[in-house]
Amino acid sequence: MKKTIIIEGMSCGHCEMHTKEELEKIDGVISATADSDKGEAVVELEKEVAESEFKAAVEEAGYNYIKTV
């Protein structure tokens, strides 16, 4: 299952890498990719993950969590 996380504040490849690393720390996330041009990250999940966990990971990376779709 995949989910898209809308994020504000990423502007470069370093931002993408930092966001990817934080999202991949979440239990249940198989992989993550971040795209600063689109302002989003896509996560592949092995189980359901609470939206609050995505929010915490994005904020830990230093960016603004908008929503998960």
PDB file of N, CA and C in Angstrom:
ATOM      1  N   MET A   1       0.851  -1.163   0.000  1.00  0.00           N
ATOM      2  CA  MET A   1       0.000   0.000   0.000  1.00  0.00           C
ATOM      3  C   MET A   1       0.896   1.225   0.000  1.00  0.00           C
ATOM      4  N   LYS A   2       0.509   2.254  -0.737  1.00  0.00           N
ATOM      5  CA  LYS A   2       1.280   3.493  -0.814  1.00  0.00           C
ATOM      6  C   LYS A   2       0.423   4.670  -0.360  1.00  0.00           C
ATOM      7  N   LYS A   3       1.111   5.639   0.266  1.00  0.00           N
ATOM      8  CA  LYS A   3       0.446   6.888   0.657  1.00  0.00           C
ATOM      9  C   LYS A   3       1.354   8.041   0.263  1.00  0.00           C
ATOM     10  N   THR A   4       0.731   9.173  -0.056  1.00  0.00           N
ATOM     11  CA  THR A   4       1.467  10.381  -0.420  1.00  0.00           C
ATOM     12  C   THR A   4       1.314  11.394   0.703  1.00  0.00           C
ATOM     13  N   ILE A   5       2.443  11.962   1.110  1.00  0.00           N
ATOM     14  CA  ILE A   5       2.465  12.953   2.179  1.00  0.00           C
ATOM     15  C   ILE A   5       2.815  14.299   1.555  1.00  0.00           C
ATOM     16  N   ILE A   6       1.965  15.278   1.766  1.00  0.00           N
ATOM     17  CA  ILE A   6       2.195  16.624   1.241  1.00  0.00           C
ATOM     18  C   ILE A   6       3.028  17.401   2.275  1.00  0.00           C
ATOM     19  N   ILE A   7       4.139  17.989   1.787  1.00  0.00           N
ATOM     20  CA  ILE A   7       5.120  18.624   2.670  1.00  0.00           C
ATOM     21  C   ILE A   7       5.493  19.995   2.115  1.00  0.00           C
ATOM     22  N   GLU A   8       5.639  20.969   3.003  1.00  0.00           N
ATOM     23  CA  GLU A   8       6.135  22.294   2.624  1.00  0.00           C
ATOM     24  C   GLU A   8       7.526  22.486   3.202  1.00  0.00           C
ATOM     25  N   GLY A   9       8.397  23.144   2.429  1.00  0.00           N
ATOM     26  CA  GLY A   9       9.693  23.533   2.967  1.00  0.00           C
ATOM     27  C   GLY A   9      10.893  22.812   2.387  1.00  0.00           C
ATOM     28  N   MET A  10      10.684  21.698   1.698  1.00  0.00           N
ATOM     29  CA  MET A  10      11.817  21.011   1.075  1.00  0.00           C
ATOM     30  C   MET A  10      12.225  21.787  -0.175  1.00  0.00           C
ATOM     31  N   SER A  11      13.548  21.967  -0.371  1.00  0.00           N
ATOM     32  CA  SER A  11      13.981  22.760  -1.518  1.00  0.00           C
ATOM     33  C   SER A  11      15.136  22.144  -2.309  1.00  0.00           C
ATOM     34  N   CYS A  12      15.658  20.998  -1.843  1.00  0.00           N
ATOM     35  CA  CYS A  12      16.830  20.453  -2.526  1.00  0.00           C
ATOM     36  C   CYS A  12      16.966  18.954  -2.267  1.00  0.00           C
ATOM     37  N   GLY A  13      17.975  18.367  -2.853  1.00  0.00           N
ATOM     38  CA  GLY A  13      18.230  16.948  -2.675  1.00  0.00           C
ATOM     39  C   GLY A  13      18.549  16.575  -1.245  1.00  0.00           C
ATOM     40  N   HIS A  14      19.237  17.456  -0.520  1.00  0.00           N
ATOM     41  CA  HIS A  14      19.533  17.186   0.892  1.00  0.00           C
ATOM     42  C   HIS A  14      18.243  17.116   1.695  1.00  0.00           C
ATOM     43  N   CYS A  15      17.317  18.018   1.408  1.00  0.00           N
ATOM     44  CA  CYS A  15      16.003  18.016   2.072  1.00  0.00           C
ATOM     45  C   CYS A  15      15.296  16.681   1.816  1.00  0.00           C
ATOM     46  N   GLU A  16      15.323  16.244   0.564  1.00  0.00           N
ATOM     47  CA  GLU A  16      14.677  14.983   0.190  1.00  0.00           C
ATOM     48  C   GLU A  16      15.284  13.810   0.953  1.00  0.00           C
ATOM     49  N   MET A  17      16.618  13.774   1.028  1.00  0.00           N
ATOM     50  CA  MET A  17      17.294  12.679   1.706  1.00  0.00           C
ATOM     51  C   MET A  17      16.946  12.648   3.193  1.00  0.00           C
ATOM     52  N   HIS A  18      16.951  13.824   3.826  1.00  0.00           N
ATOM     53  CA  HIS A  18      16.660  13.897   5.257  1.00  0.00           C
ATOM     54  C   HIS A  18      15.217  13.449   5.543  1.00  0.00           C
ATOM     55  N   THR A  19      14.286  13.877   4.704  1.00  0.00           N
ATOM     56  CA  THR A  19      12.886  13.491   4.868  1.00  0.00           C
ATOM     57  C   THR A  19      12.727  11.984   4.662  1.00  0.00           C
ATOM     58  N   LYS A  20      13.350  11.447   3.636  1.00  0.00           N
ATOM     59  CA  LYS A  20      13.309   9.999   3.352  1.00  0.00           C
ATOM     60  C   LYS A  20      13.819   9.210   4.557  1.00  0.00           C
ATOM     61  N   GLU A  21      14.943   9.631   5.117  1.00  0.00           N
ATOM     62  CA  GLU A  21      15.530   8.922   6.265  1.00  0.00           C
ATOM     63  C   GLU A  21      14.588   8.915   7.460  1.00  0.00           C
ATOM     64  N   GLU A  22      13.971  10.044   7.756  1.00  0.00           N
ATOM     65  CA  GLU A  22      13.058  10.115   8.909  1.00  0.00           C
ATOM     66  C   GLU A  22      11.821   9.249   8.683  1.00  0.00           C
ATOM     67  N   LEU A  23      11.263   9.283   7.476  1.00  0.00           N
ATOM     68  CA  LEU A  23      10.070   8.477   7.194  1.00  0.00           C
ATOM     69  C   LEU A  23      10.391   6.984   7.265  1.00  0.00           C
ATOM     70  N   GLU A  24      11.578   6.586   6.824  1.00  0.00           N
ATOM     71  CA  GLU A  24      11.938   5.164   6.833  1.00  0.00           C
ATOM     72  C   GLU A  24      12.218   4.631   8.232  1.00  0.00           C
ATOM     73  N   LYS A  25      12.307   5.492   9.230  1.00  0.00           N
ATOM     74  CA  LYS A  25      12.467   5.065  10.624  1.00  0.00           C
ATOM     75  C   LYS A  25      11.145   4.571  11.216  1.00  0.00           C
ATOM     76  N   ILE A  26      10.040   4.918  10.578  1.00  0.00           N
ATOM     77  CA  ILE A  26       8.713   4.556  11.097  1.00  0.00           C
ATOM     78  C   ILE A  26       8.473   3.066  10.909  1.00  0.00           C
ATOM     79  N   ASP A  27       8.025   2.407  11.979  1.00  0.00           N
ATOM     80  CA  ASP A  27       7.664   0.987  11.912  1.00  0.00           C
ATOM     81  C   ASP A  27       6.501   0.822  10.937  1.00  0.00           C
ATOM     82  N   GLY A  28       6.682  -0.032   9.945  1.00  0.00           N
ATOM     83  CA  GLY A  28       5.633  -0.264   8.958  1.00  0.00           C
ATOM     84  C   GLY A  28       5.940   0.349   7.609  1.00  0.00           C
ATOM     85  N   VAL A  29       6.934   1.257   7.562  1.00  0.00           N
ATOM     86  CA  VAL A  29       7.331   1.863   6.290  1.00  0.00           C
ATOM     87  C   VAL A  29       8.408   0.988   5.652  1.00  0.00           C
ATOM     88  N   ILE A  30       8.127   0.496   4.449  1.00  0.00           N
ATOM     89  CA  ILE A  30       9.090  -0.323   3.706  1.00  0.00           C
ATOM     90  C   ILE A  30      10.106   0.582   3.028  1.00  0.00           C
ATOM     91  N   SER A  31       9.618   1.629   2.363  1.00  0.00           N
ATOM     92  CA  SER A  31      10.501   2.568   1.670  1.00  0.00           C
ATOM     93  C   SER A  31       9.801   3.903   1.529  1.00  0.00           C
ATOM     94  N   ALA A  32      10.613   4.930   1.278  1.00  0.00           N
ATOM     95  CA  ALA A  32      10.073   6.281   1.092  1.00  0.00           C
ATOM     96  C   ALA A  32      10.886   6.987   0.021  1.00  0.00           C
ATOM     97  N   THR A  33      10.211   7.842  -0.731  1.00  0.00           N
ATOM     98  CA  THR A  33      10.887   8.737  -1.671  1.00  0.00           C
ATOM     99  C   THR A  33      10.310  10.126  -1.440  1.00  0.00           C
ATOM    100  N   ALA A  34      11.163  11.131  -1.571  1.00  0.00           N
ATOM    101  CA  ALA A  34      10.707  12.506  -1.391  1.00  0.00           C
ATOM    102  C   ALA A  34      11.053  13.305  -2.642  1.00  0.00           C
ATOM    103  N   ASP A  35      10.193  14.234  -2.995  1.00  0.00           N
ATOM    104  CA  ASP A  35      10.380  15.060  -4.191  1.00  0.00           C
ATOM    105  C   ASP A  35      10.139  16.515  -3.815  1.00  0.00           C
ATOM    106  N   SER A  36      11.219  17.302  -3.754  1.00  0.00           N
ATOM    107  CA  SER A  36      11.075  18.702  -3.342  1.00  0.00           C
ATOM    108  C   SER A  36      10.347  19.532  -4.390  1.00  0.00           C
ATOM    109  N   ASP A  37      10.469  19.167  -5.664  1.00  0.00           N
ATOM    110  CA  ASP A  37       9.765  19.914  -6.714  1.00  0.00           C
ATOM    111  C   ASP A  37       8.253  19.768  -6.580  1.00  0.00           C
ATOM    112  N   LYS A  38       7.796  18.575  -6.231  1.00  0.00           N
ATOM    113  CA  LYS A  38       6.357  18.323  -6.073  1.00  0.00           C
ATOM    114  C   LYS A  38       5.869  18.660  -4.667  1.00  0.00           C
ATOM    115  N   GLY A  39       6.789  18.775  -3.711  1.00  0.00           N
ATOM    116  CA  GLY A  39       6.396  19.042  -2.328  1.00  0.00           C
ATOM    117  C   GLY A  39       5.688  17.858  -1.706  1.00  0.00           C
ATOM    118  N   GLU A  40       6.232  16.672  -1.969  1.00  0.00           N
ATOM    119  CA  GLU A  40       5.588  15.471  -1.432  1.00  0.00           C
ATOM    120  C   GLU A  40       6.591  14.357  -1.204  1.00  0.00           C
ATOM    121  N   ALA A  41       6.149  13.388  -0.422  1.00  0.00           N
ATOM    122  CA  ALA A  41       6.883  12.144  -0.234  1.00  0.00           C
ATOM    123  C   ALA A  41       5.893  11.019  -0.448  1.00  0.00           C
ATOM    124  N   VAL A  42       6.372   9.913  -1.009  1.00  0.00           N
ATOM    125  CA  VAL A  42       5.541   8.729  -1.194  1.00  0.00           C
ATOM    126  C   VAL A  42       6.150   7.619  -0.352  1.00  0.00           C
ATOM    127  N   VAL A  43       5.325   7.002   0.483  1.00  0.00           N
ATOM    128  CA  VAL A  43       5.789   5.907   1.330  1.00  0.00           C
ATOM    129  C   VAL A  43       5.095   4.621   0.926  1.00  0.00           C
ATOM    130  N   GLU A  44       5.858   3.540   0.933  1.00  0.00           N
ATOM    131  CA  GLU A  44       5.292   2.208   0.715  1.00  0.00           C
ATOM    132  C   GLU A  44       5.198   1.550   2.077  1.00  0.00           C
ATOM    133  N   LEU A  45       4.009   1.042   2.396  1.00  0.00           N
ATOM    134  CA  LEU A  45       3.740   0.523   3.732  1.00  0.00           C
ATOM    135  C   LEU A  45       3.492  -0.978   3.733  1.00  0.00           C
ATOM    136  N   GLU A  46       3.936  -1.634   4.819  1.00  0.00           N
ATOM    137  CA  GLU A  46       3.617  -3.047   4.999  1.00  0.00           C
ATOM    138  C   GLU A  46       2.434  -3.223   5.943  1.00  0.00           C
ATOM    139  N   LYS A  47       2.066  -2.132   6.645  1.00  0.00           N
ATOM    140  CA  LYS A  47       0.902  -2.134   7.525  1.00  0.00           C
ATOM    141  C   LYS A  47       0.417  -0.705   7.677  1.00  0.00           C
ATOM    142  N   GLU A  48      -0.759  -0.532   8.248  1.00  0.00           N
ATOM    143  CA  GLU A  48      -1.318   0.803   8.439  1.00  0.00           C
ATOM    144  C   GLU A  48      -0.454   1.595   9.423  1.00  0.00           C
ATOM    145  N   VAL A  49      -0.215   2.852   9.119  1.00  0.00           N
ATOM    146  CA  VAL A  49       0.570   3.746   9.969  1.00  0.00           C
ATOM    147  C   VAL A  49      -0.277   4.974  10.267  1.00  0.00           C
ATOM    148  N   ALA A  50      -0.276   5.401  11.525  1.00  0.00           N
ATOM    149  CA  ALA A  50      -1.070   6.566  11.925  1.00  0.00           C
ATOM    150  C   ALA A  50      -0.525   7.834  11.282  1.00  0.00           C
ATOM    151  N   GLU A  51      -1.425   8.708  10.879  1.00  0.00           N
ATOM    152  CA  GLU A  51      -1.042   9.979  10.259  1.00  0.00           C
ATOM    153  C   GLU A  51      -0.129  10.782  11.182  1.00  0.00           C
ATOM    154  N   SER A  52      -0.341  10.665  12.491  1.00  0.00           N
ATOM    155  CA  SER A  52       0.477  11.404  13.461  1.00  0.00           C
ATOM    156  C   SER A  52       1.947  10.994  13.386  1.00  0.00           C
ATOM    157  N   GLU A  53       2.218   9.741  13.000  1.00  0.00           N
ATOM    158  CA  GLU A  53       3.608   9.296  12.870  1.00  0.00           C
ATOM    159  C   GLU A  53       4.281   9.942  11.663  1.00  0.00           C
ATOM    160  N   PHE A  54       3.535  10.096  10.561  1.00  0.00           N
ATOM    161  CA  PHE A  54       4.077  10.788   9.395  1.00  0.00           C
ATOM    162  C   PHE A  54       4.370  12.247   9.749  1.00  0.00           C
ATOM    163  N   LYS A  55       3.426  12.876  10.448  1.00  0.00           N
ATOM    164  CA  LYS A  55       3.566  14.280  10.842  1.00  0.00           C
ATOM    165  C   LYS A  55       4.817  14.455  11.706  1.00  0.00           C
ATOM    166  N   ALA A  56       5.001  13.583  12.684  1.00  0.00           N
ATOM    167  CA  ALA A  56       6.159  13.683  13.576  1.00  0.00           C
ATOM    168  C   ALA A  56       7.468  13.516  12.809  1.00  0.00           C
ATOM    169  N   ALA A  57       7.510  12.577  11.864  1.00  0.00           N
ATOM    170  CA  ALA A  57       8.734  12.334  11.089  1.00  0.00           C
ATOM    171  C   ALA A  57       9.071  13.530  10.202  1.00  0.00           C
ATOM    172  N   VAL A  58       8.076  14.091   9.545  1.00  0.00           N
ATOM    173  CA  VAL A  58       8.304  15.247   8.670  1.00  0.00           C
ATOM    174  C   VAL A  58       8.779  16.437   9.497  1.00  0.00           C
ATOM    175  N   GLU A  59       8.159  16.660  10.650  1.00  0.00           N
ATOM    176  CA  GLU A  59       8.553  17.774  11.498  1.00  0.00           C
ATOM    177  C   GLU A  59       9.943  17.547  12.094  1.00  0.00           C
ATOM    178  N   GLU A  60      10.291  16.304  12.403  1.00  0.00           N
ATOM    179  CA  GLU A  60      11.633  15.974  12.899  1.00  0.00           C
ATOM    180  C   GLU A  60      12.677  16.292  11.832  1.00  0.00           C
ATOM    181  N   ALA A  61      12.313  16.095  10.574  1.00  0.00           N
ATOM    182  CA  ALA A  61      13.221  16.399   9.465  1.00  0.00           C
ATOM    183  C   ALA A  61      13.343  17.914   9.259  1.00  0.00           C
ATOM    184  N   GLY A  62      12.436  18.685   9.852  1.00  0.00           N
ATOM    185  CA  GLY A  62      12.521  20.139   9.781  1.00  0.00           C
ATOM    186  C   GLY A  62      11.587  20.798   8.787  1.00  0.00           C
ATOM    187  N   TYR A  63      10.554  20.073   8.351  1.00  0.00           N
ATOM    188  CA  TYR A  63       9.650  20.607   7.331  1.00  0.00           C
ATOM    189  C   TYR A  63       8.217  20.633   7.841  1.00  0.00           C
ATOM    190  N   ASN A  64       7.334  21.256   7.085  1.00  0.00           N
ATOM    191  CA  ASN A  64       5.938  21.403   7.481  1.00  0.00           C
ATOM    192  C   ASN A  64       5.078  20.305   6.873  1.00  0.00           C
ATOM    193  N   TYR A  65       4.473  19.523   7.753  1.00  0.00           N
ATOM    194  CA  TYR A  65       3.547  18.470   7.334  1.00  0.00           C
ATOM    195  C   TYR A  65       2.210  19.134   6.982  1.00  0.00           C
ATOM    196  N   ILE A  66       1.675  18.825   5.802  1.00  0.00           N
ATOM    197  CA  ILE A  66       0.378  19.378   5.405  1.00  0.00           C
ATOM    198  C   ILE A  66      -0.726  18.330   5.570  1.00  0.00           C
ATOM    199  N   LYS A  67      -0.590  17.199   4.867  1.00  0.00           N
ATOM    200  CA  LYS A  67      -1.594  16.139   4.984  1.00  0.00           C
ATOM    201  C   LYS A  67      -1.092  14.864   4.319  1.00  0.00           C
ATOM    202  N   THR A  68      -1.795  13.778   4.596  1.00  0.00           N
ATOM    203  CA  THR A  68      -1.527  12.494   3.941  1.00  0.00           C
ATOM    204  C   THR A  68      -2.727  12.167   3.070  1.00  0.00           C
ATOM    205  N   VAL A  69      -2.455  11.789   1.828  1.00  0.00           N
ATOM    206  CA  VAL A  69      -3.538  11.436   0.902  1.00  0.00           C
ATOM    207  C   VAL A  69      -3.316  10.048   0.335  1.00  0.00           C
TER     208      VAL A  69
END
